[in-house]
Structures are given as C-alpha cells and as structure tokens.
C-alpha atoms as a PDB file:
ATOM      1  CA  MET A   1     100.810 218.225  17.410  1.00  0.00           C
ATOM      2  CA  THR A   2      97.165 217.158  17.321  1.00  0.00           C
ATOM      3  CA  THR A   3      94.882 219.086  14.977  1.00  0.00           C
ATOM      4  CA  ASP A   4      91.406 217.846  15.946  1.00  0.00           C
ATOM      5  CA  LYS A   5      91.428 219.176  19.505  1.00  0.00           C
ATOM      6  CA  GLU A   6      92.930 221.912  21.556  1.00  0.00           C
ATOM      7  CA  PRO A   7      96.665 221.270  22.128  1.00  0.00           C
ATOM      8  CA  THR A   8      97.688 220.071  25.566  1.00  0.00           C
ATOM      9  CA  ILE A   9     100.736 220.345  27.779  1.00  0.00           C
ATOM     10  CA  GLU A  10     101.708 216.845  26.638  1.00  0.00           C
ATOM     11  CA  ASP A  11     101.575 218.113  23.031  1.00  0.00           C
ATOM     12  CA  GLU A  12     103.888 220.975  23.946  1.00  0.00           C
ATOM     13  CA  ARG A  13     106.439 218.672  25.556  1.00  0.00           C
ATOM     14  CA  ALA A  14     106.445 216.317  22.555  1.00  0.00           C
ATOM     15  CA  ASN A  15     106.552 218.954  19.821  1.00  0.00           C
ATOM     16  CA  VAL A  16     110.229 219.945  19.487  1.00  0.00           C
ATOM     17  CA  PHE A  17     111.281 221.669  16.274  1.00  0.00           C
ATOM     18  CA  VAL A  18     113.057 224.973  16.984  1.00  0.00           C
ATOM     19  CA  THR A  19     116.809 224.531  16.537  1.00  0.00           C
ATOM     20  CA  ARG A  20     117.920 228.161  16.632  1.00  0.00           C
ATOM     21  CA  PRO A  21     118.957 229.382  20.083  1.00  0.00           C
ATOM     22  CA  HIS A  22     117.066 231.356  22.659  1.00  0.00           C
ATOM     23  CA  LEU A  23     119.585 233.864  24.049  1.00  0.00           C
ATOM     24  CA  VAL A  24     119.080 235.247  27.566  1.00  0.00           C
ATOM     25  CA  ILE A  25     121.116 238.315  28.551  1.00  0.00           C
ATOM     26  CA  LEU A  26     121.472 238.956  32.279  1.00  0.00           C
ATOM     27  CA  GLY A  27     122.286 242.210  34.013  1.00  0.00           C
ATOM     28  CA  ALA A  28     122.707 242.948  37.713  1.00  0.00           C
ATOM     29  CA  GLY A  29     118.941 243.323  38.084  1.00  0.00           C
ATOM     30  CA  ALA A  30     118.550 239.615  37.344  1.00  0.00           C
ATOM     31  CA  SER A  31     120.735 238.572  40.256  1.00  0.00           C
ATOM     32  CA  ARG A  32     118.940 241.035  42.523  1.00  0.00           C
ATOM     33  CA  ALA A  33     115.564 239.659  41.397  1.00  0.00           C
ATOM     34  CA  GLY A  34     116.740 236.079  41.859  1.00  0.00           C
ATOM     35  CA  PHE A  35     118.110 236.714  45.348  1.00  0.00           C
ATOM     36  CA  PRO A  36     116.035 239.537  46.851  1.00  0.00           C
ATOM     37  CA  ASN A  37     117.032 238.464  50.365  1.00  0.00           C
ATOM     38  CA  GLY A  38     120.669 237.947  49.474  1.00  0.00           C
ATOM     39  CA  ASP A  39     122.743 234.792  49.222  1.00  0.00           C
ATOM     40  CA  ARG A  40     122.873 231.853  51.656  1.00  0.00           C
ATOM     41  CA  SER A  41     124.063 234.100  54.490  1.00  0.00           C
ATOM     42  CA  GLY A  42     122.000 237.159  53.567  1.00  0.00           C
ATOM     43  CA  LYS A  43     124.742 239.042  51.686  1.00  0.00           C
ATOM     44  CA  LYS A  44     123.041 241.353  49.205  1.00  0.00           C
ATOM     45  CA  LEU A  45     123.548 241.270  45.451  1.00  0.00           C
ATOM     46  CA  PRO A  46     124.825 244.754  44.555  1.00  0.00           C
ATOM     47  CA  LEU A  47     123.694 247.054  41.774  1.00  0.00           C
ATOM     48  CA  MET A  48     125.961 249.843  40.536  1.00  0.00           C
ATOM     49  CA  SER A  49     123.679 252.290  42.323  1.00  0.00           C
ATOM     50  CA  ASP A  50     124.201 250.715  45.771  1.00  0.00           C
ATOM     51  CA  CYS A  51     127.616 249.072  45.437  1.00  0.00           C
ATOM     52  CA  VAL A  52     129.237 251.762  47.581  1.00  0.00           C
ATOM     53  CA  GLU A  53     127.082 250.886  50.593  1.00  0.00           C
ATOM     54  CA  ILE A  54     127.003 247.118  50.145  1.00  0.00           C
ATOM     55  CA  LEU A  55     130.770 246.851  49.576  1.00  0.00           C
ATOM     56  CA  ALA A  56     131.459 249.266  52.477  1.00  0.00           C
ATOM     57  CA  LEU A  57     133.366 251.762  50.324  1.00  0.00           C
ATOM     58  CA  ARG A  58     131.952 254.987  51.741  1.00  0.00           C
ATOM     59  CA  ALA A  59     134.755 255.767  54.211  1.00  0.00           C
ATOM     60  CA  ALA A  60     137.505 255.233  51.632  1.00  0.00           C
ATOM     61  CA  LEU A  61     135.748 257.350  49.016  1.00  0.00           C
ATOM     62  CA  VAL A  62     135.186 260.204  51.455  1.00  0.00           C
ATOM     63  CA  GLU A  63     138.858 260.050  52.426  1.00  0.00           C
ATOM     64  CA  TRP A  64     139.822 260.235  48.739  1.00  0.00           C
ATOM     65  CA  GLY A  65     137.540 263.201  48.149  1.00  0.00           C
ATOM     66  CA  PHE A  66     134.880 261.411  46.078  1.00  0.00           C
ATOM     67  CA  ASP A  67     131.150 261.781  46.529  1.00  0.00           C
ATOM     68  CA  PRO A  68     129.977 258.371  47.862  1.00  0.00           C
ATOM     69  CA  GLU A  69     126.401 259.017  46.688  1.00  0.00           C
ATOM     70  CA  ARG A  70     127.406 258.627  43.047  1.00  0.00           C
ATOM     71  CA  ASN A  71     127.197 255.502  40.886  1.00  0.00           C
ATOM     72  CA  LEU A  72     130.221 253.221  41.380  1.00  0.00           C
ATOM     73  CA  GLU A  73     130.933 253.156  37.649  1.00  0.00           C
ATOM     74  CA  ASP A  74     131.301 256.952  37.575  1.00  0.00           C
ATOM     75  CA  ILE A  75     133.602 256.867  40.616  1.00  0.00           C
ATOM     76  CA  PHE A  76     135.718 253.962  39.320  1.00  0.00           C
ATOM     77  CA  THR A  77     136.072 255.677  35.940  1.00  0.00           C
ATOM     78  CA  GLU A  78     137.428 258.849  37.551  1.00  0.00           C
ATOM     79  CA  VAL A  79     139.842 256.957  39.816  1.00  0.00           C
ATOM     80  CA  PHE A  80     141.115 254.951  36.835  1.00  0.00           C
ATOM     81  CA  ALA A  81     141.449 258.028  34.605  1.00  0.00           C
ATOM     82  CA  ALA A  82     143.453 259.820  37.309  1.00  0.00           C
ATOM     83  CA  GLY A  83     146.021 257.022  37.277  1.00  0.00           C
ATOM     84  CA  GLU A  84     145.515 256.299  40.984  1.00  0.00           C
ATOM     85  CA  MET A  85     146.490 252.648  40.611  1.00  0.00           C
ATOM     86  CA  ALA A  86     146.754 251.913  44.336  1.00  0.00           C
ATOM     87  CA  ARG A  87     143.159 253.071  44.713  1.00  0.00           C
ATOM     88  CA  VAL A  88     142.100 251.149  41.603  1.00  0.00           C
ATOM     89  CA  LYS A  89     143.616 247.977  43.067  1.00  0.00           C
ATOM     90  CA  PHE A  90     141.858 248.621  46.377  1.00  0.00           C
ATOM     91  CA  LEU A  91     138.497 248.837  44.601  1.00  0.00           C
ATOM     92  CA  GLN A  92     139.243 245.766  42.488  1.00  0.00           C
ATOM     93  CA  GLN A  93     140.224 243.750  45.555  1.00  0.00           C
ATOM     94  CA  ARG A  94     137.118 244.796  47.483  1.00  0.00           C
ATOM     95  CA  ILE A  95     134.882 243.869  44.528  1.00  0.00           C
ATOM     96  CA  GLY A  96     136.596 240.502  44.022  1.00  0.00           C
ATOM     97  CA  GLU A  97     136.497 239.557  47.697  1.00  0.00           C
ATOM     98  CA  TYR A  98     132.827 240.418  48.112  1.00  0.00           C
ATOM     99  CA  PHE A  99     131.573 238.605  45.037  1.00  0.00           C
ATOM    100  CA  SER A 100     133.815 235.579  45.645  1.00  0.00           C
ATOM    101  CA  GLY A 101     132.182 235.116  49.027  1.00  0.00           C
ATOM    102  CA  LEU A 102     128.644 234.786  47.674  1.00  0.00           C
ATOM    103  CA  GLN A 103     127.095 231.317  48.025  1.00  0.00           C
ATOM    104  CA  ILE A 104     123.781 229.964  46.796  1.00  0.00           C
ATOM    105  CA  GLY A 105     121.298 228.520  49.305  1.00  0.00           C
ATOM    106  CA  ASP A 106     120.062 224.936  49.476  1.00  0.00           C
ATOM    107  CA  ARG A 107     116.614 225.414  47.948  1.00  0.00           C
ATOM    108  CA  PRO A 108     115.924 226.055  44.246  1.00  0.00           C
ATOM    109  CA  THR A 109     116.240 229.667  43.176  1.00  0.00           C
ATOM    110  CA  LEU A 110     115.244 231.688  40.139  1.00  0.00           C
ATOM    111  CA  TYR A 111     118.628 230.844  38.575  1.00  0.00           C
ATOM    112  CA  ASP A 112     117.949 227.114  39.010  1.00  0.00           C
ATOM    113  CA  HIS A 113     114.609 227.628  37.282  1.00  0.00           C
ATOM    114  CA  LEU A 114     116.257 229.633  34.509  1.00  0.00           C
ATOM    115  CA  VAL A 115     118.950 227.130  33.560  1.00  0.00           C
ATOM    116  CA  LEU A 116     116.528 224.198  33.741  1.00  0.00           C
ATOM    117  CA  SER A 117     114.060 226.038  31.491  1.00  0.00           C
ATOM    118  CA  LEU A 118     116.466 226.360  28.559  1.00  0.00           C
ATOM    119  CA  ARG A 119     117.933 223.700  26.282  1.00  0.00           C
ATOM    120  CA  LYS A 120     121.449 222.779  25.192  1.00  0.00           C
ATOM    121  CA  LYS A 121     121.059 224.848  22.014  1.00  0.00           C
ATOM    122  CA  ASP A 122     120.359 227.976  24.103  1.00  0.00           C
ATOM    123  CA  PHE A 123     122.704 230.494  25.730  1.00  0.00           C
ATOM    124  CA  VAL A 124     122.767 232.608  28.873  1.00  0.00           C
ATOM    125  CA  ALA A 125     125.110 235.584  28.564  1.00  0.00           C
ATOM    126  CA  THR A 126     125.687 237.407  31.820  1.00  0.00           C
ATOM    127  CA  PHE A 127     127.326 240.744  32.618  1.00  0.00           C
ATOM    128  CA  ASN A 128     127.431 239.765  36.305  1.00  0.00           C
ATOM    129  CA  TRP A 129     130.510 238.932  38.356  1.00  0.00           C
ATOM    130  CA  ASP A 130     128.658 236.928  41.007  1.00  0.00           C
ATOM    131  CA  PRO A 131     129.020 233.109  40.985  1.00  0.00           C
ATOM    132  CA  LEU A 132     125.379 232.228  41.722  1.00  0.00           C
ATOM    133  CA  LEU A 133     124.378 231.424  38.138  1.00  0.00           C
ATOM    134  CA  LEU A 134     127.324 229.049  37.818  1.00  0.00           C
ATOM    135  CA  GLN A 135     126.563 227.451  41.183  1.00  0.00           C
ATOM    136  CA  ALA A 136     122.949 226.862  40.091  1.00  0.00           C
ATOM    137  CA  TYR A 137     124.206 225.425  36.802  1.00  0.00           C
ATOM    138  CA  ARG A 138     126.519 222.925  38.463  1.00  0.00           C
ATOM    139  CA  ARG A 139     123.884 221.428  40.746  1.00  0.00           C
ATOM    140  CA  ASN A 140     121.456 220.895  37.852  1.00  0.00           C
ATOM    141  CA  SER A 141     124.022 219.431  35.457  1.00  0.00           C
ATOM    142  CA  ARG A 142     122.213 216.062  35.306  1.00  0.00           C
ATOM    143  CA  PHE A 143     120.080 217.759  32.624  1.00  0.00           C
ATOM    144  CA  ASP A 144     121.076 219.184  29.242  1.00  0.00           C
ATOM    145  CA  LEU A 145     121.477 222.864  30.059  1.00  0.00           C
ATOM    146  CA  PRO A 146     122.178 226.042  28.084  1.00  0.00           C
ATOM    147  CA  GLN A 147     125.695 227.274  27.425  1.00  0.00           C
ATOM    148  CA  LEU A 148     126.988 230.114  29.612  1.00  0.00           C
ATOM    149  CA  LEU A 149     128.890 233.216  28.522  1.00  0.00           C
ATOM    150  CA  PHE A 150     130.566 235.604  30.990  1.00  0.00           C
ATOM    151  CA  LEU A 151     130.783 238.951  29.234  1.00  0.00           C
ATOM    152  CA  HIS A 152     132.480 240.795  32.106  1.00  0.00           C
ATOM    153  CA  GLY A 153     134.265 237.778  33.593  1.00  0.00           C
ATOM    154  CA  ASN A 154     133.241 235.899  36.726  1.00  0.00           C
ATOM    155  CA  VAL A 155     134.796 235.264  40.124  1.00  0.00           C
ATOM    156  CA  GLU A 156     134.281 231.486  39.906  1.00  0.00           C
ATOM    157  CA  VAL A 157     135.526 230.906  36.347  1.00  0.00           C
ATOM    158  CA  GLY A 158     139.086 229.775  35.607  1.00  0.00           C
ATOM    159  CA  TYR A 159     140.981 230.214  32.361  1.00  0.00           C
ATOM    160  CA  CYS A 160     144.084 228.799  30.679  1.00  0.00           C
ATOM    161  CA  GLU A 161     145.710 231.503  28.582  1.00  0.00           C
ATOM    162  CA  LYS A 162     148.002 229.035  26.821  1.00  0.00           C
ATOM    163  CA  ASP A 163     145.287 226.661  25.572  1.00  0.00           C
ATOM    164  CA  ARG A 164     142.340 229.098  25.559  1.00  0.00           C
ATOM    165  CA  THR A 165     140.223 226.800  27.728  1.00  0.00           C
ATOM    166  CA  ALA A 166     137.929 227.692  30.621  1.00  0.00           C
ATOM    167  CA  GLY A 167     136.118 225.942  33.455  1.00  0.00           C
ATOM    168  CA  ASN A 168     135.517 226.055  37.180  1.00  0.00           C
ATOM    169  CA  LEU A 169     138.232 228.022  38.934  1.00  0.00           C
ATOM    170  CA  ASP A 170     139.215 225.043  41.100  1.00  0.00           C
ATOM    171  CA  ALA A 171     139.659 222.751  38.061  1.00  0.00           C
ATOM    172  CA  ARG A 172     142.546 222.182  35.627  1.00  0.00           C
ATOM    173  CA  CYS A 173     142.961 222.759  31.925  1.00  0.00           C
ATOM    174  CA  ASN A 174     141.942 219.592  30.069  1.00  0.00           C
ATOM    175  CA  LYS A 175     144.874 220.065  27.658  1.00  0.00           C
ATOM    176  CA  CYS A 176     147.953 221.078  29.643  1.00  0.00           C
ATOM    177  CA  LYS A 177     146.547 219.815  32.998  1.00  0.00           C
ATOM    178  CA  ARG A 178     147.709 222.933  34.803  1.00  0.00           C
ATOM    179  CA  PRO A 179     145.424 224.663  37.333  1.00  0.00           C
ATOM    180  CA  PHE A 180     143.238 227.367  35.864  1.00  0.00           C
ATOM    181  CA  SER A 181     144.039 230.990  36.610  1.00  0.00           C
ATOM    182  CA  PRO A 182     141.220 233.299  37.706  1.00  0.00           C
ATOM    183  CA  CYS A 183     139.552 234.769  34.653  1.00  0.00           C
ATOM    184  CA  PRO A 184     139.785 238.557  34.526  1.00  0.00           C
ATOM    185  CA  LEU A 185     136.940 240.767  35.645  1.00  0.00           C
ATOM    186  CA  LEU A 186     136.003 243.656  33.407  1.00  0.00           C
ATOM    187  CA  TYR A 187     135.725 246.459  35.935  1.00  0.00           C
ATOM    188  CA  PRO A 188     133.209 249.312  35.685  1.00  0.00           C
ATOM    189  CA  VAL A 189     135.106 251.938  33.718  1.00  0.00           C
ATOM    190  CA  GLY A 190     133.019 254.156  31.466  1.00  0.00           C
ATOM    191  CA  ARG A 191     134.640 252.863  28.280  1.00  0.00           C
ATOM    192  CA  LYS A 192     135.321 249.128  28.275  1.00  0.00           C
ATOM    193  CA  ASP A 193     137.756 247.300  26.020  1.00  0.00           C
ATOM    194  CA  TYR A 194     136.129 243.978  25.137  1.00  0.00           C
ATOM    195  CA  ALA A 195     139.100 242.874  23.039  1.00  0.00           C
ATOM    196  CA  LYS A 196     141.955 243.534  25.478  1.00  0.00           C
ATOM    197  CA  ASN A 197     141.827 240.161  27.239  1.00  0.00           C
ATOM    198  CA  SER A 198     141.648 236.887  25.307  1.00  0.00           C
ATOM    199  CA  PHE A 199     139.047 235.299  27.607  1.00  0.00           C
ATOM    200  CA  ILE A 200     136.697 238.284  27.449  1.00  0.00           C
ATOM    201  CA  ALA A 201     137.279 238.566  23.699  1.00  0.00           C
ATOM    202  CA  SER A 202     136.373 234.894  23.179  1.00  0.00           C
ATOM    203  CA  GLN A 203     133.157 235.311  25.167  1.00  0.00           C
ATOM    204  CA  TRP A 204     132.140 238.305  23.068  1.00  0.00           C
ATOM    205  CA  GLN A 205     133.029 236.542  19.833  1.00  0.00           C
ATOM    206  CA  THR A 206     130.614 233.726  20.677  1.00  0.00           C
ATOM    207  CA  PHE A 207     128.033 236.195  21.962  1.00  0.00           C
ATOM    208  CA  ARG A 208     128.038 238.146  18.697  1.00  0.00           C
ATOM    209  CA  ARG A 209     127.650 234.960  16.681  1.00  0.00           C
ATOM    210  CA  VAL A 210     124.753 233.698  18.806  1.00  0.00           C
ATOM    211  CA  LEU A 211     122.981 237.052  18.867  1.00  0.00           C
ATOM    212  CA  GLY A 212     123.113 237.194  15.079  1.00  0.00           C
ATOM    213  CA  HIS A 213     121.546 233.730  14.853  1.00  0.00           C
ATOM    214  CA  THR A 214     119.041 233.678  17.723  1.00  0.00           C
ATOM    215  CA  PHE A 215     115.307 233.243  17.231  1.00  0.00           C
ATOM    216  CA  MET A 216     114.316 234.742  20.583  1.00  0.00           C
ATOM    217  CA  VAL A 217     116.267 237.070  22.869  1.00  0.00           C
ATOM    218  CA  THR A 218     115.321 237.804  26.481  1.00  0.00           C
ATOM    219  CA  ILE A 219     117.002 240.725  28.252  1.00  0.00           C
ATOM    220  CA  PHE A 220     116.640 240.349  32.006  1.00  0.00           C
ATOM    221  CA  GLY A 221     117.640 243.026  34.508  1.00  0.00           C
ATOM    222  CA  TYR A 222     119.919 244.894  32.102  1.00  0.00           C
ATOM    223  CA  SER A 223     119.184 248.577  31.474  1.00  0.00           C
ATOM    224  CA  GLY A 224     121.862 248.870  28.810  1.00  0.00           C
ATOM    225  CA  PRO A 225     122.505 252.248  27.227  1.00  0.00           C
ATOM    226  CA  ARG A 226     123.016 254.394  30.300  1.00  0.00           C
ATOM    227  CA  THR A 227     126.062 252.479  31.466  1.00  0.00           C
ATOM    228  CA  ASP A 228     127.332 250.411  28.554  1.00  0.00           C
ATOM    229  CA  GLN A 229     127.326 252.145  25.198  1.00  0.00           C
ATOM    230  CA  GLU A 230     130.111 249.947  23.799  1.00  0.00           C
ATOM    231  CA  ALA A 231     128.193 246.781  24.641  1.00  0.00           C
ATOM    232  CA  LEU A 232     125.015 248.096  23.033  1.00  0.00           C
ATOM    233  CA  ALA A 233     126.907 249.063  19.881  1.00  0.00           C
ATOM    234  CA  VAL A 234     128.369 245.558  19.563  1.00  0.00           C
ATOM    235  CA  MET A 235     124.980 243.991  20.229  1.00  0.00           C
ATOM    236  CA  SER A 236     123.229 246.224  17.717  1.00  0.00           C
ATOM    237  CA  THR A 237     125.712 245.337  14.988  1.00  0.00           C
ATOM    238  CA  ALA A 238     125.338 241.601  15.680  1.00  0.00           C
ATOM    239  CA  TRP A 239     121.524 241.801  15.754  1.00  0.00           C
ATOM    240  CA  GLY A 240     121.350 243.768  12.518  1.00  0.00           C
ATOM    241  CA  ALA A 241     118.553 245.934  11.190  1.00  0.00           C
ATOM    242  CA  PRO A 242     115.261 245.333  13.052  1.00  0.00           C
ATOM    243  CA  GLU A 243     113.331 245.070   9.790  1.00  0.00           C
ATOM    244  CA  ARG A 244     115.311 241.912   9.031  1.00  0.00           C
ATOM    245  CA  ARG A 245     113.944 240.367  12.225  1.00  0.00           C
ATOM    246  CA  GLU A 246     110.341 239.942  11.142  1.00  0.00           C
ATOM    247  CA  LEU A 247     110.021 236.522  12.835  1.00  0.00           C
ATOM    248  CA  GLU A 248     112.202 237.015  15.904  1.00  0.00           C
ATOM    249  CA  GLN A 249     110.804 237.917  19.320  1.00  0.00           C
ATOM    250  CA  SER A 250     112.439 240.334  21.784  1.00  0.00           C
ATOM    251  CA  CYS A 251     111.484 239.865  25.436  1.00  0.00           C
ATOM    252  CA  PHE A 252     112.330 242.038  28.422  1.00  0.00           C
ATOM    253  CA  ILE A 253     112.115 241.248  32.120  1.00  0.00           C
ATOM    254  CA  THR A 254     112.461 244.585  33.826  1.00  0.00           C
ATOM    255  CA  LYS A 255     110.996 247.129  36.227  1.00  0.00           C
ATOM    256  CA  GLN A 256     111.436 249.836  33.587  1.00  0.00           C
ATOM    257  CA  ARG A 257     108.378 251.460  32.060  1.00  0.00           C
ATOM    258  CA  GLU A 258     107.468 250.407  28.543  1.00  0.00           C
ATOM    259  CA  GLU A 259     108.500 253.738  27.047  1.00  0.00           C
ATOM    260  CA  GLU A 260     111.955 253.394  28.635  1.00  0.00           C
ATOM    261  CA  VAL A 261     112.396 249.905  27.204  1.00  0.00           C
ATOM    262  CA  LEU A 262     111.297 251.001  23.751  1.00  0.00           C
ATOM    263  CA  SER A 263     113.671 253.968  23.881  1.00  0.00           C
ATOM    264  CA  ASN A 264     116.662 252.033  25.226  1.00  0.00           C
ATOM    265  CA  PHE A 265     116.276 248.974  23.004  1.00  0.00           C
ATOM    266  CA  SER A 266     114.544 250.235  19.873  1.00  0.00           C
ATOM    267  CA  GLU A 267     117.276 248.703  17.700  1.00  0.00           C
ATOM    268  CA  PHE A 268     116.339 245.211  18.945  1.00  0.00           C
ATOM    269  CA  ILE A 269     112.586 245.350  18.354  1.00  0.00           C
ATOM    270  CA  HIS A 270     110.804 244.683  15.078  1.00  0.00           C
ATOM    271  CA  SER A 271     107.361 246.258  15.035  1.00  0.00           C
ATOM    272  CA  HIS A 272     105.164 244.645  17.721  1.00  0.00           C
ATOM    273  CA  HIS A 273     107.423 241.597  18.247  1.00  0.00           C
ATOM    274  CA  ARG A 274     108.128 242.314  21.884  1.00  0.00           C
ATOM    275  CA  GLU A 275     107.007 241.330  25.340  1.00  0.00           C
ATOM    276  CA  ILE A 276     107.739 243.202  28.560  1.00  0.00           C
ATOM    277  CA  ASP A 277     107.276 241.465  31.924  1.00  0.00           C
ATOM    278  CA  GLU A 278     108.038 242.697  35.427  1.00  0.00           C
ATOM    279  CA  SER A 279     108.675 239.197  36.757  1.00  0.00           C
ATOM    280  CA  PHE A 280     110.646 236.268  35.406  1.00  0.00           C
ATOM    281  CA  TYR A 281     107.685 234.039  36.274  1.00  0.00           C
ATOM    282  CA  ASP A 282     105.463 235.953  33.838  1.00  0.00           C
ATOM    283  CA  SER A 283     107.922 235.437  30.971  1.00  0.00           C
ATOM    284  CA  TRP A 284     107.808 233.008  28.048  1.00  0.00           C
ATOM    285  CA  ILE A 285     110.666 231.086  29.647  1.00  0.00           C
ATOM    286  CA  ALA A 286     108.839 230.410  32.898  1.00  0.00           C
ATOM    287  CA  ARG A 287     105.412 229.814  31.319  1.00  0.00           C
ATOM    288  CA  HIS A 288     106.720 227.519  28.568  1.00  0.00           C
ATOM    289  CA  PRO A 289     110.027 226.093  29.885  1.00  0.00           C
ATOM    290  CA  ARG A 290     112.285 224.384  27.349  1.00  0.00           C
ATOM    291  CA  ARG A 291     109.676 225.123  24.629  1.00  0.00           C
ATOM    292  CA  THR A 292     109.691 228.922  24.400  1.00  0.00           C
ATOM    293  CA  GLY A 293     110.308 229.035  20.650  1.00  0.00           C
ATOM    294  CA  GLU A 294     107.812 226.304  19.874  1.00  0.00           C
ATOM    295  CA  ALA A 295     105.122 227.905  22.049  1.00  0.00           C
ATOM    296  CA  TRP A 296     105.595 231.307  20.428  1.00  0.00           C
ATOM    297  CA  TRP A 297     105.550 229.851  16.913  1.00  0.00           C
ATOM    298  CA  ASN A 298     102.430 227.783  17.546  1.00  0.00           C
ATOM    299  CA  GLN A 299     100.542 230.610  19.212  1.00  0.00           C
ATOM    300  CA  TYR A 300     101.312 233.507  16.882  1.00  0.00           C
ATOM    301  CA  LEU A 301     101.976 231.860  13.537  1.00  0.00           C
ATOM    302  CA  GLU A 302      99.810 228.742  13.656  1.00  0.00           C
ATOM    303  CA  ALA A 303      97.034 230.008  15.968  1.00  0.00           C
ATOM    304  CA  LYS A 304      97.410 227.001  18.271  1.00  0.00           C
ATOM    305  CA  PHE A 305      96.982 228.435  21.729  1.00  0.00           C
ATOM    306  CA  LEU A 306      98.807 226.265  24.210  1.00  0.00           C
ATOM    307  CA  PRO A 307      97.953 226.272  27.904  1.00  0.00           C
ATOM    308  CA  ASP A 308     100.682 227.584  30.160  1.00  0.00           C
ATOM    309  CA  ASN A 309     102.928 224.965  31.711  1.00  0.00           C
ATOM    310  CA  PRO A 310     104.626 227.053  34.400  1.00  0.00           C
ATOM    311  CA  ILE A 311     107.654 226.097  36.434  1.00  0.00           C
ATOM    312  CA  PRO A 312     106.608 224.956  39.935  1.00  0.00           C
ATOM    313  CA  GLU A 313     108.048 227.830  41.941  1.00  0.00           C
ATOM    314  CA  ASN A 314     107.923 226.606  45.522  1.00  0.00           C
ATOM    315  CA  VAL A 315     109.103 223.006  45.388  1.00  0.00           C
ATOM    316  CA  ASP A 316     112.399 221.399  46.334  1.00  0.00           C
ATOM    317  CA  PHE A 317     114.799 219.765  43.900  1.00  0.00           C
ATOM    318  CA  PRO A 318     113.297 216.238  43.674  1.00  0.00           C
ATOM    319  CA  GLU A 319     109.915 217.589  42.620  1.00  0.00           C
ATOM    320  CA  LEU A 320     111.469 220.255  40.400  1.00  0.00           C
ATOM    321  CA  TRP A 321     113.576 217.681  38.548  1.00  0.00           C
ATOM    322  CA  SER A 322     110.528 215.413  38.200  1.00  0.00           C
ATOM    323  CA  PHE A 323     108.715 218.275  36.468  1.00  0.00           C
ATOM    324  CA  PHE A 324     111.497 218.646  33.896  1.00  0.00           C
ATOM    325  CA  ARG A 325     112.227 214.973  33.152  1.00  0.00           C
ATOM    326  CA  PRO A 326     109.336 214.498  30.656  1.00  0.00           C
ATOM    327  CA  PHE A 327     110.822 217.235  28.456  1.00  0.00           C
ATOM    328  CA  ILE A 328     114.157 215.523  27.921  1.00  0.00           C
ATOM    329  CA  GLU A 329     113.412 212.452  25.812  1.00  0.00           C
ATOM    330  CA  PRO A 330     111.486 214.345  23.095  1.00  0.00           C
ATOM    331  CA  GLU A 331     114.426 216.763  22.835  1.00  0.00           C
ATOM    332  CA  ARG A 332     116.958 214.005  22.330  1.00  0.00           C
ATOM    333  CA  GLY A 333     114.837 212.210  19.732  1.00  0.00           C
ATOM    334  CA  SER A 334     113.462 215.246  17.947  1.00  0.00           C
ATOM    335  CA  GLU A 335     113.732 215.805  14.224  1.00  0.00           C
ATOM    336  CA  VAL A 336     113.282 219.060  12.329  1.00  0.00           C
ATOM    337  CA  LYS A 337     109.653 219.080  11.195  1.00  0.00           C
ATOM    338  CA  SER A 338     109.668 221.814   8.565  1.00  0.00           C
ATOM    339  CA  SER A 339     112.277 224.056   6.990  1.00  0.00           C
ATOM    340  CA  ALA A 340     109.700 226.892   7.063  1.00  0.00           C
ATOM    341  CA  ARG A 341     109.796 226.912  10.818  1.00  0.00           C
ATOM    342  CA  PRO A 342     112.495 228.718  12.877  1.00  0.00           C
ATOM    343  CA  THR A 343     115.206 226.109  12.510  1.00  0.00           C
ATOM    344  CA  GLU A 344     118.488 226.942  10.836  1.00  0.00           C
ATOM    345  CA  ARG A 345     118.844 230.484   9.565  1.00  0.00           C
END
C-alpha cells in the first residue's frame, strides 16, 4: 500500500494479506432481509414467529388443540414431546414442501452480493432451510466464493451417507456415483441434537474449527439465545474467552437494539471490538467486499483510512461481475506480507 498519499480503492484491491477466514453466520432474519418481497413468485421467507401463517398451519393446530399464535418452535417441541408422530410428520412435510418450492429471481439479490463479497478462505454458515443462498452461490460460481455450511440442513443439499460426501440434491456422489439422498433437516425442537446425524455433525465439526480460527465474525439475522441455547453453547466454546480475542472483530447485522445484542452475544465480544448495523449494505462486507479483514486492519491498527468501495446494489449481473473482476487477480497472486498481521493463528 502506498505511504506517501491517502490510500485509494485500487490500493485496497491490490493489498491482500489476511489469510484467516471471515465467518458469516446467517439466521432466518437474513433471508427475510434479502428477500423482503418474497422469492421469484412472491412466496414469503418465514420466521419462527410467522411460520404458522405463512405455512398455512393454523387450521391444523386449532384442530389439534394448540394455540396458533405461539412460536412454531414451541408448538413443534410440544407435539414432538407428546409422541404424536403423525402430527410431527405432517409438520415436517409441510415445512419441506414449502421451502423446497422457493426459487430465486433473475436479478441479483442480497445473497448474490454476499457470496461475491467473500473469498475462498471465508465461510458462510447458515441455520436456514431455504435454498436461496445455494441458488445464488451456483449462479456466481465463475468466481472464487466462500465455503458454505448448513447447520440445520437444507432442502436443496444432497448427501451420501456411505462416503460422507455432499452436493446439490440432483447430483451424484463423486465416489460411489449413486444419487444423493436429501440431507436431513434439523427441525425446530427446543433441544437439538447436533451429533445425531452424520451430515449435521460434519457441518458443526467444521463450523467449530472455523469459528475458533476466524479473524472476523459477522452474525446476520440470528437472535441466538432465545431459541437455540445448545448452538450458542457450542459457539461459545469454539470462540473461547473474549479476552483472548483482542484483535478479532465481531459484527452484527440486526434490527435488535444495541443493549439486546450486547446481552445476547456478550461472550463473542472483546471490549469495543464490535460493530452493529441495521442493514447488510452498511456492514464491513458490503463497504469493503472481499477485503473486510484488510480494511479493518489498515483502518484501526495502521491508521490508514480507506475510502468505502461499496457493492453496486442496483445493477444486473454483467455490471456486478465487472465490479468484482479486479479483485480476483491480486487474490490469486497474493503473498503473506507480515507474520504480525492477521494471517495464520
């Protein structure tokens, strides 16, 4: 990076030195934010709080004697605990059918912007069943993109139990050549067993390793503790004591108030190393795509204040891909500049 003048956007693109991953964790709020008007045909992206209405479950729940105004996770937990397996299967089928029918539109979406804004070293771990992240990923695969983890399964992911391989549901195992089976969905019971299924267990194994090693973590649309104590316990253990994270940055994209975020995620925040944004487009990812770690390091530790280089929000794919192409060659030819910087931990 130049030292005799203010750094430029061209400097930011060329200056690649962070090798530790940026981990993005997605909750249902991320899909809702990315598709506020629904999918290609207008089908809404459900939250636990409005799943009953969107999945048209009210009549069945009333017939069963359940209050349809409650959170779906609370209802599903009670049905499961009562051993009403026919009802459990009904709920599972309705969930699977609805989410399997979701399709991304033709124009770039927030999820297209997200996957393009991260590098091959990075990870996106999603709790969401919907296939829209994967659909965005596939149509941008001409670029080096982050690795995806499906912590609660996904309706468009296939899995080979024999060879422990995964891919698109309509593909075949690259080892035994047999068609993939649908990967399991981890349904919304109050206490979830992340080790019961081998696919889910493998996703969490990688997730724990990455979370322990990441330089920057962004939590997007995931409220956490109220609905997923087991997940938060696993994440907290992998992250470790906050005082050990004196260089790492924790970012949140959420509608929650700051005091709620600090209360819910105190175990993931070291001192003032946090940023809370209401919109994805205000985040480090969107303002410094593919260079989030480098931009943070230069700004806060080297006092080199880079201009924002935001994702062009309202352009179609040719222009969007043209914006990202100048980032790629410096990434492929980059060398680690200094062991004091956030490279290998």
